[in-house]
Amino acid sequence: MHFPGPCTGTGENAPACPSHACRHPACAVARPLRASDTADDQLIGTVGLNGVDPWHRRGELAYDLDPRWQGQGLATHAARAVLDWAHGTCGLVRIQATVLDSNARSIALLERLGMQREGRLRAYRHVRGQPRDFWMYAHVNGVVSPR
C-alpha cells in the first residue's frame, strides 16, 4: 500500500499548500490521500476532507475503497490518518461524516474511529433516484466518545 501524504510544506507538495507550513485548512482540499497498490500503482481508494470551513474549523471526512480491498483495515487506517492530520496539522475542531443508514460497513468504520452518531438526516441524498436517509457522525477534537 502507498499513501502519498498531504502537503508537508516542503518538496513537491509545497506549491499545493498556500501557507507552505501546512497549518491552513485549505491543505485538506488540496492534498487528499490516494491509496494505490504498490505493485502496479492502480488506484484502489481515496480518503480526504470535503467542505472544509476554515472559519468554523470543520470539514467532512469522505472515503471510498475498491470492494476487492475491503475488510483488510485499509480504509480505517487511512481515515484515522486523515482524522489525526485534520485535527493536528490543520487545526480543525470538528470532522463530520454522513453515511447511508443501511451501510453497515461504513457505519462500523466511523465508530472504530471514535466518531459519534449525532442524528438521522431524513431524505438527505438521492441514491439510485430515491431519497434516502443518512446518519450524521462527528469527531470533535478533545472530546472522547462514550462507549
Protein backbone atom coordinates (compact mmCIF):
# COMPACT_ATOMS: atom_id res chain seq x y z
CA MET A 1 0.00 0.00 0.00
CA HIS A 2 1.12 3.51 -0.75
CA PHE A 3 -0.46 6.59 0.82
CA PRO A 4 1.15 9.77 -0.51
CA GLY A 5 0.76 12.25 2.31
CA PRO A 6 -0.82 15.66 2.34
CA CYS A 7 1.28 18.76 1.90
CA THR A 8 4.28 18.82 4.22
CA GLY A 9 5.36 22.34 3.34
CA THR A 10 8.44 21.05 1.55
CA GLY A 11 9.35 19.25 -1.65
CA GLU A 12 6.89 18.53 -4.44
CA ASN A 13 3.82 19.12 -2.27
CA ALA A 14 4.78 22.65 -1.16
CA PRO A 15 3.14 24.53 -4.08
CA ALA A 16 -0.24 22.99 -3.19
CA CYS A 17 -0.12 24.49 0.29
CA PRO A 18 -0.99 28.19 0.44
CA SER A 19 0.96 28.75 3.65
CA HIS A 20 3.81 26.29 2.99
CA ALA A 21 3.51 25.39 6.66
CA CYS A 22 0.54 23.04 6.36
CA ARG A 23 -1.44 24.78 9.07
CA HIS A 24 -4.05 26.09 6.67
CA PRO A 25 -7.29 24.10 6.30
CA ALA A 26 -7.12 24.54 2.52
CA CYS A 27 -4.41 21.87 2.55
CA ALA A 28 -7.13 19.33 3.28
CA VAL A 29 -8.78 20.10 -0.02
CA ALA A 30 -5.56 20.44 -1.98
CA ARG A 31 -3.99 17.14 -0.97
CA PRO A 32 -6.46 14.28 -0.42
CA LEU A 33 -4.82 10.92 0.16
CA ARG A 34 -4.79 8.43 -2.68
CA ALA A 35 -4.30 4.75 -1.91
CA SER A 36 -2.65 2.60 -4.53
CA ASP A 37 -1.31 -0.92 -4.81
CA THR A 38 2.47 -0.55 -4.89
CA ALA A 39 2.81 -3.49 -7.29
CA ASP A 40 1.12 -1.74 -10.22
CA ASP A 41 0.17 1.70 -8.80
CA GLN A 42 -3.52 1.14 -9.54
CA LEU A 43 -5.90 3.40 -7.63
CA ILE A 44 -7.78 1.37 -5.02
CA GLY A 45 -9.34 4.18 -3.00
CA THR A 46 -9.30 7.73 -1.75
CA VAL A 47 -9.75 9.46 1.56
CA GLY A 48 -9.80 13.14 2.38
CA LEU A 49 -11.82 16.09 3.57
CA ASN A 50 -14.59 17.89 1.71
CA GLY A 51 -16.32 21.13 2.57
CA VAL A 52 -13.54 22.45 4.76
CA ASP A 53 -14.75 25.56 6.56
CA PRO A 54 -11.72 27.41 7.96
CA TRP A 55 -13.83 29.96 9.83
CA HIS A 56 -15.71 27.31 11.82
CA ARG A 57 -12.72 24.90 11.75
CA ARG A 58 -14.62 21.89 10.42
CA GLY A 59 -14.53 19.50 7.49
CA GLU A 60 -16.27 16.39 6.22
CA LEU A 61 -14.44 13.08 6.03
CA ALA A 62 -15.00 11.26 2.74
CA TYR A 63 -13.58 7.94 1.59
CA ASP A 64 -14.11 5.11 -0.83
CA LEU A 65 -12.29 1.84 -1.38
CA ASP A 66 -12.41 -0.68 -4.18
CA PRO A 67 -14.56 -3.59 -2.88
CA ARG A 68 -11.74 -6.05 -3.68
CA TRP A 69 -9.64 -4.37 -0.98
CA GLN A 70 -12.32 -4.06 1.73
CA GLY A 71 -12.15 -5.95 5.01
CA GLN A 72 -8.39 -5.51 5.49
CA GLY A 73 -8.43 -2.41 7.69
CA LEU A 74 -7.08 -0.18 4.92
CA ALA A 75 -9.93 2.35 5.00
CA THR A 76 -9.77 2.54 8.78
CA HIS A 77 -6.00 3.10 8.71
CA ALA A 78 -6.22 5.80 6.04
CA ALA A 79 -9.26 7.54 7.58
CA ARG A 80 -7.59 7.59 11.01
CA ALA A 81 -4.51 9.22 9.45
CA VAL A 82 -6.67 11.93 7.83
CA LEU A 83 -8.62 12.46 11.07
CA ASP A 84 -5.40 12.88 13.08
CA TRP A 85 -3.92 15.14 10.40
CA ALA A 86 -7.06 17.29 10.19
CA HIS A 87 -7.14 17.85 13.96
CA GLY A 88 -3.40 18.15 14.47
CA THR A 89 -1.83 19.74 11.43
CA CYS A 90 -4.81 21.65 10.07
CA GLY A 91 -6.22 22.57 13.48
CA LEU A 92 -9.79 21.59 12.61
CA VAL A 93 -12.03 21.08 15.65
CA ARG A 94 -14.94 19.15 14.09
CA ILE A 95 -14.69 16.40 11.50
CA GLN A 96 -18.05 15.07 10.38
CA ALA A 97 -19.20 12.33 8.04
CA THR A 98 -22.51 11.28 6.57
CA VAL A 99 -23.31 7.65 5.84
CA LEU A 100 -26.25 5.91 4.20
CA ASP A 101 -28.34 4.43 7.02
CA SER A 102 -28.05 0.92 5.54
CA ASN A 103 -24.26 0.96 5.01
CA ALA A 104 -23.23 -1.21 7.96
CA ARG A 105 -19.54 -1.43 6.97
CA SER A 106 -19.13 2.33 6.74
CA ILE A 107 -21.03 2.86 9.99
CA ALA A 108 -18.68 0.38 11.70
CA LEU A 109 -15.66 2.21 10.27
CA LEU A 110 -16.84 5.58 11.61
CA GLU A 111 -17.48 4.05 15.03
CA ARG A 112 -13.98 2.45 15.05
CA LEU A 113 -12.63 5.97 14.52
CA GLY A 114 -14.44 7.11 17.67
CA MET A 115 -16.96 9.21 15.80
CA GLN A 116 -20.33 9.70 17.46
CA ARG A 117 -23.68 9.32 15.76
CA GLU A 118 -25.46 12.65 16.07
CA GLY A 119 -28.70 12.08 14.23
CA ARG A 120 -30.65 10.99 11.19
CA LEU A 121 -30.77 13.24 8.13
CA ARG A 122 -34.12 12.46 6.52
CA ALA A 123 -34.16 12.19 2.71
CA TYR A 124 -30.67 13.73 2.74
CA ARG A 125 -29.45 12.44 -0.65
CA HIS A 126 -30.84 10.63 -3.62
CA VAL A 127 -29.41 7.16 -4.12
CA ARG A 128 -30.32 5.44 -7.39
CA GLY A 129 -33.06 8.00 -7.91
CA GLN A 130 -34.65 7.60 -4.48
CA PRO A 131 -34.41 9.93 -1.45
CA ARG A 132 -32.56 8.10 1.32
CA ASP A 133 -31.84 8.75 4.97
CA PHE A 134 -28.26 9.23 6.18
CA TRP A 135 -26.68 9.28 9.62
CA MET A 136 -24.52 12.22 10.69
CA TYR A 137 -21.39 11.29 12.62
CA ALA A 138 -18.80 13.63 14.10
CA HIS A 139 -15.46 13.62 15.88
CA VAL A 140 -14.76 16.72 17.93
CA ASN A 141 -11.14 17.29 18.94
CA GLY A 142 -10.64 16.77 22.65
CA VAL A 143 -13.99 15.01 23.11
CA VAL A 144 -13.88 11.28 23.86
CA SER A 145 -16.86 9.30 22.62
CA PRO A 146 -18.69 7.26 25.28
CA ARG A 147 -18.51 3.51 24.75
